[in-house]
Amino acid sequence: MSISNYRSMATERLLRAFQEAVTYKQFSDEAIVNKEILEANYEAYLLNEQDLAFFESLEQPLDVLVLAHDWCGDVVANLPLFGKIADQTHKLNLHILPRDPDNQDIAELYLHPDGRNHIPTYIFFNQAGEELGVFIERPEEISALFSQWIDAFWANHPEYEGRGKAIGELEETVKKSLLGYFREQRAEVLDQEKGAVIRIINNFSNQ
């Protein structure tokens, strides 16, 4: 989701973050947990003529500081889209940092409405270094699908215990199965996620 209530980062901290950050290719090459899924999603995202025309219309590239880890499902779902856009349009400059352990100070500036920091966190800047907006985790329309997926998962697995519990409280086998189901369902809506993300970028680019 995009958020509007956050504290801006000091210029000196931003410059250091950019210096320490890696590109999407470096992030993908160094991935340990979900490297294959990152690569598969990168290939699966396709930019159509309308998408390319929008990015071509941007007068200048946007800088995007990203807090991410490849163990995170939301990261492997939508960071490859940002990588594809950056590679094909050259209108996004990605600067990717691990949140843990050294960049929690940045994450704490951009809290989710639940009061905690989450990944991925995407912070957008124009070429003058001015913040344009922040996007956290996933588009809201994708979040809305999760309740449907959860209901379907439990309906398909009456043998599992733990319905109604937080994911972190589930027995490991059940949690692994649920997260795998989420990945499968998320892969079916990549085009929907792409459209939502590009609309968010469009909104920020007009700031």
Foldseek 3Di string as FASTA:
>chain_A
DWDDDFDDDDPVVVVVLQVPFDFPVVLLVPADPPNVLLVVLLVVDDQDPVNLVVLVPQPAAKEKEWADHVVDPLCSLPVSVVNNCCVPRVRYTYGYDHCPDPNVVVQQRPPDPVNHGAPTKIWIATPVRDTLTIDHRAFPVLVVCVVVLLVVVCVVCVVADDPPHDLVPGDPVSSVVSVVSSNVVSSVCSVVRSVRVSVVVVNSSVD
